[in-house]
Amino acid sequence: MLDLLRSLIEEVTSADARRYAVTDDAGREMHCAKVIEDGGGYLAVYHSTLADGCFHVGLATSPDLIDWRHVRDLGPRGSQPTIAAVPGGGYLLAWEQEPKNHIALRYFTDRDALFDGKALRAFDAKRSLSRCAEGTPNIYSVQLNPDIDHSVITLGGHYWWKCDVDRQLSATLTGFKRWKAAPEPGFDEALLRFRVGGNIGGRDPVTFFEHSYAVIEAQHVKGDFGSWRTYVYDYESREAHPTSIRTDGGSTAFANPHVTALTAPDGRRALAVSLFLPGEGAAKGEGGQLIYYRTY
């Protein structure tokens, strides 16, 4: 299944549909978009730079994974968001929040609450692994026992190791009030074998044919945005596998990967992929956010 997963990610030119430099209908760039299924359509959370010069977390909907309608602004000075549907109809969002660069979580009881921006619970994690920054979260699981105030939430993220380079962390939020984070050196080591000299950043898990994988970004040269590459990480073997992504114009740098196994607009099963293409490695017209999906 690993080869199929990599193929679905790599062959952008064979996508059922694709869009480069994605914006919503309000003209906001949909950077680092995370897409999930939502009834007969789709939701995405992302960040955009607005007139105040700050990142803002946004929410949008789409009927086809390509055209996106802006719903609302969810958080000023927030970036790198992710979203997960919660058993019972709720939604959990997590993102990287300023000031004091940290991971923030918001729980919404249902779709109406999400669209109204009315969170029932909010939690902002205190940094414990780095005095400089902890962020770019992903959500592994949400267990309600039986509700959000008696829940166990597991997440991934990164921390700014020695305030020098990003490295991986895992965290647990219990009862929406007790936070515990720890380094994930095994995850880092799987990428460092490929001579990664810069940041090991955002990751997004996906269950593919009942097997657990993640896509993860790695910067091979510190400070060089053109050296970002995307890998597939196998949680069972604890090995990382490089991807060879092919776009229409031949872009070479790929960051902030997100993948979601979902149902395509035509009803077939599909993999939706979201990648940020830094300008330093982007072909003409391809820089910014790329969203595509492939059926299988």
C-alpha atoms as a PDB file:
ATOM      1  CA  MET A   1       0.000   0.000   0.000  1.00  0.00           C
ATOM      2  CA  LEU A   2       2.959   2.319   0.541  1.00  0.00           C
ATOM      3  CA  ASP A   3       3.759   2.392  -3.173  1.00  0.00           C
ATOM      4  CA  LEU A   4       0.161   3.246  -4.047  1.00  0.00           C
ATOM      5  CA  LEU A   5       0.047   6.002  -1.450  1.00  0.00           C
ATOM      6  CA  ARG A   6       3.275   7.522  -2.730  1.00  0.00           C
ATOM      7  CA  SER A   7       2.051   7.312  -6.312  1.00  0.00           C
ATOM      8  CA  LEU A   8      -1.189   9.116  -5.465  1.00  0.00           C
ATOM      9  CA  ILE A   9       0.807  11.917  -3.842  1.00  0.00           C
ATOM     10  CA  GLU A  10       3.526  12.144  -6.470  1.00  0.00           C
ATOM     11  CA  GLU A  11       1.589  12.292  -9.735  1.00  0.00           C
ATOM     12  CA  VAL A  12      -0.017  15.735  -9.593  1.00  0.00           C
ATOM     13  CA  THR A  13      -0.321  15.756 -13.386  1.00  0.00           C
ATOM     14  CA  SER A  14      -2.567  12.667 -13.183  1.00  0.00           C
ATOM     15  CA  ALA A  15      -4.915  14.214 -10.623  1.00  0.00           C
ATOM     16  CA  ASP A  16      -8.654  14.065 -11.205  1.00  0.00           C
ATOM     17  CA  ALA A  17      -8.620  17.794 -10.459  1.00  0.00           C
ATOM     18  CA  ARG A  18      -5.941  20.220  -9.301  1.00  0.00           C
ATOM     19  CA  ARG A  19      -5.507  23.895  -8.599  1.00  0.00           C
ATOM     20  CA  TYR A  20      -2.347  25.908  -8.058  1.00  0.00           C
ATOM     21  CA  ALA A  21      -2.062  29.191  -6.098  1.00  0.00           C
ATOM     22  CA  VAL A  22      -5.364  28.428  -4.373  1.00  0.00           C
ATOM     23  CA  THR A  23      -7.434  31.261  -2.907  1.00  0.00           C
ATOM     24  CA  ASP A  24     -10.943  31.324  -1.494  1.00  0.00           C
ATOM     25  CA  ASP A  25     -13.717  33.382  -3.071  1.00  0.00           C
ATOM     26  CA  ALA A  26     -12.710  36.368  -0.932  1.00  0.00           C
ATOM     27  CA  GLY A  27      -9.273  36.335  -2.541  1.00  0.00           C
ATOM     28  CA  ARG A  28      -7.513  35.057   0.576  1.00  0.00           C
ATOM     29  CA  GLU A  29      -4.569  32.736   0.038  1.00  0.00           C
ATOM     30  CA  MET A  30      -5.332  29.313   1.485  1.00  0.00           C
ATOM     31  CA  HIS A  31      -1.867  28.549   2.777  1.00  0.00           C
ATOM     32  CA  CYS A  32      -1.245  25.229   4.537  1.00  0.00           C
ATOM     33  CA  ALA A  33      -4.850  24.095   3.995  1.00  0.00           C
ATOM     34  CA  LYS A  34      -6.153  21.007   5.777  1.00  0.00           C
ATOM     35  CA  VAL A  35      -9.197  19.482   4.072  1.00  0.00           C
ATOM     36  CA  ILE A  36     -11.812  17.139   5.558  1.00  0.00           C
ATOM     37  CA  GLU A  37     -15.065  15.656   4.331  1.00  0.00           C
ATOM     38  CA  ASP A  38     -18.253  17.355   5.503  1.00  0.00           C
ATOM     39  CA  GLY A  39     -21.480  15.595   4.599  1.00  0.00           C
ATOM     40  CA  GLY A  40     -21.902  16.077   0.869  1.00  0.00           C
ATOM     41  CA  GLY A  41     -19.076  18.605   0.643  1.00  0.00           C
ATOM     42  CA  TYR A  42     -15.759  19.580   2.186  1.00  0.00           C
ATOM     43  CA  LEU A  43     -14.288  21.908   4.805  1.00  0.00           C
ATOM     44  CA  ALA A  44     -10.826  23.447   4.899  1.00  0.00           C
ATOM     45  CA  VAL A  45      -8.913  25.426   7.488  1.00  0.00           C
ATOM     46  CA  TYR A  46      -5.895  27.483   6.414  1.00  0.00           C
ATOM     47  CA  HIS A  47      -4.086  30.715   7.118  1.00  0.00           C
ATOM     48  CA  SER A  48      -3.838  33.950   5.175  1.00  0.00           C
ATOM     49  CA  THR A  49      -1.899  37.177   5.630  1.00  0.00           C
ATOM     50  CA  LEU A  50      -4.441  40.001   5.950  1.00  0.00           C
ATOM     51  CA  ALA A  51      -4.235  43.788   5.852  1.00  0.00           C
ATOM     52  CA  ASP A  52      -2.899  43.967   9.417  1.00  0.00           C
ATOM     53  CA  GLY A  53       0.200  42.058   8.293  1.00  0.00           C
ATOM     54  CA  CYS A  54      -0.648  39.076  10.513  1.00  0.00           C
ATOM     55  CA  PHE A  55      -1.625  35.503   9.796  1.00  0.00           C
ATOM     56  CA  HIS A  56      -5.298  34.694  10.357  1.00  0.00           C
ATOM     57  CA  VAL A  57      -6.878  31.233  10.493  1.00  0.00           C
ATOM     58  CA  GLY A  58      -9.730  30.913   8.002  1.00  0.00           C
ATOM     59  CA  LEU A  59     -12.535  28.441   7.353  1.00  0.00           C
ATOM     60  CA  ALA A  60     -13.972  27.659   3.906  1.00  0.00           C
ATOM     61  CA  THR A  61     -16.341  25.175   2.279  1.00  0.00           C
ATOM     62  CA  SER A  62     -16.268  23.530  -1.133  1.00  0.00           C
ATOM     63  CA  PRO A  63     -18.542  21.236  -3.172  1.00  0.00           C
ATOM     64  CA  ASP A  64     -15.692  19.903  -5.323  1.00  0.00           C
ATOM     65  CA  LEU A  65     -12.331  20.337  -3.505  1.00  0.00           C
ATOM     66  CA  ILE A  66     -11.290  23.001  -6.041  1.00  0.00           C
ATOM     67  CA  ASP A  67     -13.525  26.078  -5.586  1.00  0.00           C
ATOM     68  CA  TRP A  68     -13.667  27.388  -2.015  1.00  0.00           C
ATOM     69  CA  ARG A  69     -16.112  29.766  -0.331  1.00  0.00           C
ATOM     70  CA  HIS A  70     -14.810  31.721   2.652  1.00  0.00           C
ATOM     71  CA  VAL A  71     -16.975  31.216   5.750  1.00  0.00           C
ATOM     72  CA  ARG A  72     -15.229  33.158   8.473  1.00  0.00           C
ATOM     73  CA  ASP A  73     -12.036  34.232  10.204  1.00  0.00           C
ATOM     74  CA  LEU A  74     -11.357  31.941  13.176  1.00  0.00           C
ATOM     75  CA  GLY A  75      -8.252  33.373  14.739  1.00  0.00           C
ATOM     76  CA  PRO A  76      -5.957  36.381  14.315  1.00  0.00           C
ATOM     77  CA  ARG A  77      -2.231  35.708  14.692  1.00  0.00           C
ATOM     78  CA  GLY A  78      -2.897  32.007  14.154  1.00  0.00           C
ATOM     79  CA  SER A  79      -1.318  29.801  11.482  1.00  0.00           C
ATOM     80  CA  GLN A  80      -0.739  26.182  10.455  1.00  0.00           C
ATOM     81  CA  PRO A  81      -4.260  25.039  11.429  1.00  0.00           C
ATOM     82  CA  THR A  82      -5.715  21.555  11.368  1.00  0.00           C
ATOM     83  CA  ILE A  83      -9.239  20.233  11.931  1.00  0.00           C
ATOM     84  CA  ALA A  84     -10.824  16.934  12.928  1.00  0.00           C
ATOM     85  CA  ALA A  85     -14.449  15.851  13.168  1.00  0.00           C
ATOM     86  CA  VAL A  86     -15.282  14.655  16.686  1.00  0.00           C
ATOM     87  CA  PRO A  87     -17.657  11.770  17.501  1.00  0.00           C
ATOM     88  CA  GLY A  88     -21.121  13.166  18.102  1.00  0.00           C
ATOM     89  CA  GLY A  89     -20.894  15.918  15.509  1.00  0.00           C
ATOM     90  CA  GLY A  90     -18.381  18.340  16.982  1.00  0.00           C
ATOM     91  CA  TYR A  91     -15.125  19.709  15.557  1.00  0.00           C
ATOM     92  CA  LEU A  92     -11.681  20.158  17.077  1.00  0.00           C
ATOM     93  CA  LEU A  93      -9.279  22.728  15.657  1.00  0.00           C
ATOM     94  CA  ALA A  94      -5.633  23.191  16.548  1.00  0.00           C
ATOM     95  CA  TRP A  95      -3.172  25.773  15.277  1.00  0.00           C
ATOM     96  CA  GLU A  96       0.043  27.642  16.001  1.00  0.00           C
ATOM     97  CA  GLN A  97      -0.710  30.829  17.942  1.00  0.00           C
ATOM     98  CA  GLU A  98       1.136  34.062  18.612  1.00  0.00           C
ATOM     99  CA  PRO A  99       2.243  35.734  20.801  1.00  0.00           C
ATOM    100  CA  LYS A 100       4.561  33.317  22.600  1.00  0.00           C
ATOM    101  CA  ASN A 101       4.488  30.862  19.700  1.00  0.00           C
ATOM    102  CA  HIS A 102       2.468  27.909  21.059  1.00  0.00           C
ATOM    103  CA  ILE A 103      -0.222  25.350  20.206  1.00  0.00           C
ATOM    104  CA  ALA A 104      -3.849  26.431  20.644  1.00  0.00           C
ATOM    105  CA  LEU A 105      -6.962  24.214  20.555  1.00  0.00           C
ATOM    106  CA  ARG A 106     -10.641  25.104  20.117  1.00  0.00           C
ATOM    107  CA  TYR A 107     -13.633  22.754  20.422  1.00  0.00           C
ATOM    108  CA  PHE A 108     -16.933  23.453  18.631  1.00  0.00           C
ATOM    109  CA  THR A 109     -20.031  21.432  19.506  1.00  0.00           C
ATOM    110  CA  ASP A 110     -21.448  21.283  15.970  1.00  0.00           C
ATOM    111  CA  ARG A 111     -21.301  22.733  12.462  1.00  0.00           C
ATOM    112  CA  ASP A 112     -23.377  25.797  13.362  1.00  0.00           C
ATOM    113  CA  ALA A 113     -21.062  26.640  16.244  1.00  0.00           C
ATOM    114  CA  LEU A 114     -18.034  26.221  13.973  1.00  0.00           C
ATOM    115  CA  PHE A 115     -19.505  28.464  11.281  1.00  0.00           C
ATOM    116  CA  ASP A 116     -20.431  31.048  13.939  1.00  0.00           C
ATOM    117  CA  GLY A 117     -16.935  30.858  15.437  1.00  0.00           C
ATOM    118  CA  LYS A 118     -18.343  30.063  18.893  1.00  0.00           C
ATOM    119  CA  ALA A 119     -15.998  27.608  20.613  1.00  0.00           C
ATOM    120  CA  LEU A 120     -17.328  25.791  23.678  1.00  0.00           C
ATOM    121  CA  ARG A 121     -13.828  25.157  25.001  1.00  0.00           C
ATOM    122  CA  ALA A 122     -10.448  26.827  24.383  1.00  0.00           C
ATOM    123  CA  PHE A 123      -6.997  25.741  25.485  1.00  0.00           C
ATOM    124  CA  ASP A 124      -3.620  27.371  24.911  1.00  0.00           C
ATOM    125  CA  ALA A 125      -0.654  25.138  25.736  1.00  0.00           C
ATOM    126  CA  LYS A 126       2.295  26.501  27.641  1.00  0.00           C
ATOM    127  CA  ARG A 127       5.600  25.707  25.990  1.00  0.00           C
ATOM    128  CA  SER A 128       7.562  23.024  27.824  1.00  0.00           C
ATOM    129  CA  LEU A 129      10.144  21.737  25.315  1.00  0.00           C
ATOM    130  CA  SER A 130      11.447  24.996  23.862  1.00  0.00           C
ATOM    131  CA  ARG A 131      11.705  28.502  25.245  1.00  0.00           C
ATOM    132  CA  CYS A 132      11.258  29.827  21.690  1.00  0.00           C
ATOM    133  CA  ALA A 133       8.461  28.052  19.801  1.00  0.00           C
ATOM    134  CA  GLU A 134       6.175  25.004  19.661  1.00  0.00           C
ATOM    135  CA  GLY A 135       3.642  24.643  16.872  1.00  0.00           C
ATOM    136  CA  THR A 136       2.377  23.145  13.590  1.00  0.00           C
ATOM    137  CA  PRO A 137       0.020  20.663  15.292  1.00  0.00           C
ATOM    138  CA  ASN A 138      -1.763  17.643  13.921  1.00  0.00           C
ATOM    139  CA  ILE A 139      -4.580  15.729  15.621  1.00  0.00           C
ATOM    140  CA  TYR A 140      -4.127  11.978  16.014  1.00  0.00           C
ATOM    141  CA  SER A 141      -7.233  11.109  18.013  1.00  0.00           C
ATOM    142  CA  VAL A 142     -10.066  12.503  20.132  1.00  0.00           C
ATOM    143  CA  GLN A 143     -11.655  10.260  22.756  1.00  0.00           C
ATOM    144  CA  LEU A 144     -14.724  11.576  24.585  1.00  0.00           C
ATOM    145  CA  ASN A 145     -15.214   9.836  27.943  1.00  0.00           C
ATOM    146  CA  PRO A 146     -18.096  10.733  27.585  1.00  0.00           C
ATOM    147  CA  ASP A 147     -17.660  14.444  26.729  1.00  0.00           C
ATOM    148  CA  ILE A 148     -14.990  17.035  25.938  1.00  0.00           C
ATOM    149  CA  ASP A 149     -14.420  17.778  29.641  1.00  0.00           C
ATOM    150  CA  HIS A 150     -13.490  14.129  30.154  1.00  0.00           C
ATOM    151  CA  SER A 151     -11.625  13.649  26.900  1.00  0.00           C
ATOM    152  CA  VAL A 152      -8.182  12.446  25.877  1.00  0.00           C
ATOM    153  CA  ILE A 153      -6.731  14.168  22.813  1.00  0.00           C
ATOM    154  CA  THR A 154      -3.452  13.076  21.251  1.00  0.00           C
ATOM    155  CA  LEU A 155      -1.522  15.382  18.966  1.00  0.00           C
ATOM    156  CA  GLY A 156       1.753  15.823  17.151  1.00  0.00           C
ATOM    157  CA  GLY A 157       3.697  19.023  16.666  1.00  0.00           C
ATOM    158  CA  HIS A 158       7.166  20.433  16.493  1.00  0.00           C
ATOM    159  CA  TYR A 159       9.358  22.397  18.879  1.00  0.00           C
ATOM    160  CA  TRP A 160      12.256  24.716  18.119  1.00  0.00           C
ATOM    161  CA  TRP A 161      15.118  22.593  19.432  1.00  0.00           C
ATOM    162  CA  LYS A 162      17.728  24.806  21.124  1.00  0.00           C
ATOM    163  CA  CYS A 163      16.015  27.695  19.313  1.00  0.00           C
ATOM    164  CA  ASP A 164      17.857  26.493  16.228  1.00  0.00           C
ATOM    165  CA  VAL A 165      15.849  23.920  14.196  1.00  0.00           C
ATOM    166  CA  ASP A 166      12.393  22.368  14.415  1.00  0.00           C
ATOM    167  CA  ARG A 167      12.103  18.843  15.754  1.00  0.00           C
ATOM    168  CA  GLN A 168       9.113  16.569  16.440  1.00  0.00           C
ATOM    169  CA  LEU A 169       6.970  16.292  19.551  1.00  0.00           C
ATOM    170  CA  SER A 170       3.944  14.323  20.724  1.00  0.00           C
ATOM    171  CA  ALA A 171       1.414  15.658  23.214  1.00  0.00           C
ATOM    172  CA  THR A 172      -1.666  14.680  25.172  1.00  0.00           C
ATOM    173  CA  LEU A 173      -4.432  17.000  26.357  1.00  0.00           C
ATOM    174  CA  THR A 174      -6.566  15.402  29.078  1.00  0.00           C
ATOM    175  CA  GLY A 175      -9.904  16.845  30.172  1.00  0.00           C
ATOM    176  CA  PHE A 176      -9.185  19.837  27.950  1.00  0.00           C
ATOM    177  CA  LYS A 177      -6.960  21.249  30.689  1.00  0.00           C
ATOM    178  CA  ARG A 178      -3.930  19.029  31.375  1.00  0.00           C
ATOM    179  CA  TRP A 179      -1.189  19.202  28.723  1.00  0.00           C
ATOM    180  CA  LYS A 180       1.851  16.951  28.478  1.00  0.00           C
ATOM    181  CA  ALA A 181       4.388  17.097  25.638  1.00  0.00           C
ATOM    182  CA  ALA A 182       7.488  15.038  24.917  1.00  0.00           C
ATOM    183  CA  PRO A 183      10.107  14.884  22.145  1.00  0.00           C
ATOM    184  CA  GLU A 184       9.703  12.291  19.357  1.00  0.00           C
ATOM    185  CA  PRO A 185      13.357  11.495  18.534  1.00  0.00           C
ATOM    186  CA  GLY A 186      12.470   8.367  16.545  1.00  0.00           C
ATOM    187  CA  PHE A 187      10.463  10.452  14.112  1.00  0.00           C
ATOM    188  CA  ASP A 188      13.377  12.862  13.707  1.00  0.00           C
ATOM    189  CA  GLU A 189      15.897  10.070  13.202  1.00  0.00           C
ATOM    190  CA  ALA A 190      13.886   8.646  10.301  1.00  0.00           C
ATOM    191  CA  LEU A 191      14.334  11.968   8.454  1.00  0.00           C
ATOM    192  CA  LEU A 192      17.878  12.704   9.592  1.00  0.00           C
ATOM    193  CA  ARG A 193      19.013   9.554   7.764  1.00  0.00           C
ATOM    194  CA  PHE A 194      18.414  11.546   4.569  1.00  0.00           C
ATOM    195  CA  ARG A 195      20.906  14.218   5.661  1.00  0.00           C
ATOM    196  CA  VAL A 196      18.278  16.737   6.608  1.00  0.00           C
ATOM    197  CA  GLY A 197      20.170  19.782   7.846  1.00  0.00           C
ATOM    198  CA  GLY A 198      17.293  22.160   8.558  1.00  0.00           C
ATOM    199  CA  ASN A 199      13.823  21.935  10.047  1.00  0.00           C
ATOM    200  CA  ILE A 200      11.705  18.816  10.408  1.00  0.00           C
ATOM    201  CA  GLY A 201       8.285  20.396  10.494  1.00  0.00           C
ATOM    202  CA  GLY A 202       4.628  19.742   9.792  1.00  0.00           C
ATOM    203  CA  ARG A 203       3.208  16.226   9.536  1.00  0.00           C
ATOM    204  CA  ASP A 204      -0.278  14.937   8.761  1.00  0.00           C
ATOM    205  CA  PRO A 205      -1.391  11.368   9.547  1.00  0.00           C
ATOM    206  CA  VAL A 206      -3.573   9.267   7.277  1.00  0.00           C
ATOM    207  CA  THR A 207      -5.011   5.768   7.584  1.00  0.00           C
ATOM    208  CA  PHE A 208      -4.653   4.121   4.192  1.00  0.00           C
ATOM    209  CA  PHE A 209      -6.020   0.596   3.762  1.00  0.00           C
ATOM    210  CA  GLU A 210      -5.960   0.189   7.562  1.00  0.00           C
ATOM    211  CA  HIS A 211      -2.283   1.136   7.769  1.00  0.00           C
ATOM    212  CA  SER A 212      -1.001   4.244   9.552  1.00  0.00           C
ATOM    213  CA  TYR A 213       1.174   6.699   7.645  1.00  0.00           C
ATOM    214  CA  ALA A 214       1.980  10.388   7.761  1.00  0.00           C
ATOM    215  CA  VAL A 215       3.257  12.886   5.252  1.00  0.00           C
ATOM    216  CA  ILE A 216       5.945  15.128   6.702  1.00  0.00           C
ATOM    217  CA  GLU A 217       8.084  18.022   5.508  1.00  0.00           C
ATOM    218  CA  ALA A 218      11.864  18.264   5.881  1.00  0.00           C
ATOM    219  CA  GLN A 219      14.177  21.136   4.986  1.00  0.00           C
ATOM    220  CA  HIS A 220      17.460  19.751   3.717  1.00  0.00           C
ATOM    221  CA  VAL A 221      19.439  22.998   3.997  1.00  0.00           C
ATOM    222  CA  LYS A 222      18.802  25.263   6.970  1.00  0.00           C
ATOM    223  CA  GLY A 223      17.314  28.563   5.865  1.00  0.00           C
ATOM    224  CA  ASP A 224      16.828  27.434   2.242  1.00  0.00           C
ATOM    225  CA  PHE A 225      13.133  27.363   1.378  1.00  0.00           C
ATOM    226  CA  GLY A 226      13.965  25.752  -1.957  1.00  0.00           C
ATOM    227  CA  SER A 227      15.202  22.658  -0.113  1.00  0.00           C
ATOM    228  CA  TRP A 228      11.845  21.644   1.420  1.00  0.00           C
ATOM    229  CA  ARG A 229      10.863  18.081   0.516  1.00  0.00           C
ATOM    230  CA  THR A 230       7.944  15.821   1.448  1.00  0.00           C
ATOM    231  CA  TYR A 231       8.298  12.295   2.840  1.00  0.00           C
ATOM    232  CA  VAL A 232       5.890   9.488   3.712  1.00  0.00           C
ATOM    233  CA  TYR A 233       6.459   8.109   7.201  1.00  0.00           C
ATOM    234  CA  ASP A 234       5.375   4.555   8.092  1.00  0.00           C
ATOM    235  CA  TYR A 235       4.379   4.356  11.765  1.00  0.00           C
ATOM    236  CA  GLU A 236       4.813   0.555  11.840  1.00  0.00           C
ATOM    237  CA  SER A 237       8.313   0.347  10.385  1.00  0.00           C
ATOM    238  CA  ARG A 238       9.286   3.810  11.690  1.00  0.00           C
ATOM    239  CA  GLU A 239      10.889   4.544   8.353  1.00  0.00           C
ATOM    240  CA  ALA A 240      10.555   7.587   6.122  1.00  0.00           C
ATOM    241  CA  HIS A 241      10.307   7.343   2.344  1.00  0.00           C
ATOM    242  CA  PRO A 242      11.057  10.255  -0.007  1.00  0.00           C
ATOM    243  CA  THR A 243       8.531  11.331  -2.601  1.00  0.00           C
ATOM    244  CA  SER A 244       9.207  12.507  -6.130  1.00  0.00           C
ATOM    245  CA  ILE A 245       6.379  14.938  -6.783  1.00  0.00           C
ATOM    246  CA  ARG A 246       5.730  15.929 -10.393  1.00  0.00           C
ATOM    247  CA  THR A 247       3.778  19.095 -11.176  1.00  0.00           C
ATOM    248  CA  ASP A 248       2.761  20.511 -14.557  1.00  0.00           C
ATOM    249  CA  GLY A 249       5.554  23.070 -14.550  1.00  0.00           C
ATOM    250  CA  GLY A 250       8.213  21.051 -12.755  1.00  0.00           C
ATOM    251  CA  SER A 251       8.259  22.661  -9.289  1.00  0.00           C
ATOM    252  CA  THR A 252      10.934  21.248  -6.995  1.00  0.00           C
ATOM    253  CA  ALA A 253      10.145  22.366  -3.416  1.00  0.00           C
ATOM    254  CA  PHE A 254       7.166  21.106  -1.400  1.00  0.00           C
ATOM    255  CA  ALA A 255       6.256  21.983   2.185  1.00  0.00           C
ATOM    256  CA  ASN A 256       3.415  21.817   4.721  1.00  0.00           C
ATOM    257  CA  PRO A 257       1.905  18.567   3.387  1.00  0.00           C
ATOM    258  CA  HIS A 258      -1.630  17.458   4.266  1.00  0.00           C
ATOM    259  CA  VAL A 259      -3.447  14.354   3.046  1.00  0.00           C
ATOM    260  CA  THR A 260      -6.986  13.118   3.645  1.00  0.00           C
ATOM    261  CA  ALA A 261      -8.577   9.864   2.531  1.00  0.00           C
ATOM    262  CA  LEU A 262     -12.130  10.782   1.566  1.00  0.00           C
ATOM    263  CA  THR A 263     -14.960  10.360  -0.927  1.00  0.00           C
ATOM    264  CA  ALA A 264     -14.469  12.260  -4.196  1.00  0.00           C
ATOM    265  CA  PRO A 265     -17.234  14.454  -5.638  1.00  0.00           C
ATOM    266  CA  ASP A 266     -18.190  11.583  -7.996  1.00  0.00           C
ATOM    267  CA  GLY A 267     -18.531   9.117  -5.103  1.00  0.00           C
ATOM    268  CA  ARG A 268     -15.295   7.190  -5.603  1.00  0.00           C
ATOM    269  CA  ARG A 269     -12.663   6.916  -2.898  1.00  0.00           C
ATOM    270  CA  ALA A 270      -9.861   9.412  -3.238  1.00  0.00           C
ATOM    271  CA  LEU A 271      -6.832  10.966  -1.626  1.00  0.00           C
ATOM    272  CA  ALA A 272      -6.912  14.750  -1.273  1.00  0.00           C
ATOM    273  CA  VAL A 273      -3.473  16.353  -1.060  1.00  0.00           C
ATOM    274  CA  SER A 274      -2.505  19.851  -0.016  1.00  0.00           C
ATOM    275  CA  LEU A 275       1.035  21.193  -0.459  1.00  0.00           C
ATOM    276  CA  PHE A 276       2.630  24.614  -0.133  1.00  0.00           C
ATOM    277  CA  LEU A 277       5.061  25.421  -2.959  1.00  0.00           C
ATOM    278  CA  PRO A 278       7.669  27.971  -1.801  1.00  0.00           C
ATOM    279  CA  GLY A 279       8.585  30.585  -4.381  1.00  0.00           C
ATOM    280  CA  GLU A 280      12.220  29.442  -4.313  1.00  0.00           C
ATOM    281  CA  GLY A 281      11.309  26.103  -5.899  1.00  0.00           C
ATOM    282  CA  ALA A 282       8.042  26.880  -7.670  1.00  0.00           C
ATOM    283  CA  ALA A 283       7.580  26.848 -11.433  1.00  0.00           C
ATOM    284  CA  LYS A 284       5.895  29.846 -13.030  1.00  0.00           C
ATOM    285  CA  GLY A 285       2.278  30.101 -11.892  1.00  0.00           C
ATOM    286  CA  GLU A 286       2.594  27.288  -9.333  1.00  0.00           C
ATOM    287  CA  GLY A 287       3.828  29.110  -6.220  1.00  0.00           C
ATOM    288  CA  GLY A 288       1.635  29.129  -3.130  1.00  0.00           C
ATOM    289  CA  GLN A 289      -0.989  26.582  -2.173  1.00  0.00           C
ATOM    290  CA  LEU A 290      -1.648  23.510  -4.307  1.00  0.00           C
ATOM    291  CA  ILE A 291      -4.725  21.327  -3.727  1.00  0.00           C
ATOM    292  CA  TYR A 292      -5.467  18.212  -5.787  1.00  0.00           C
ATOM    293  CA  TYR A 293      -7.126  14.849  -5.468  1.00  0.00           C
ATOM    294  CA  ARG A 294      -6.750  11.459  -7.094  1.00  0.00           C
ATOM    295  CA  THR A 295      -9.291   8.645  -7.108  1.00  0.00           C
ATOM    296  CA  TYR A 296      -8.274   5.000  -6.762  1.00  0.00           C
END
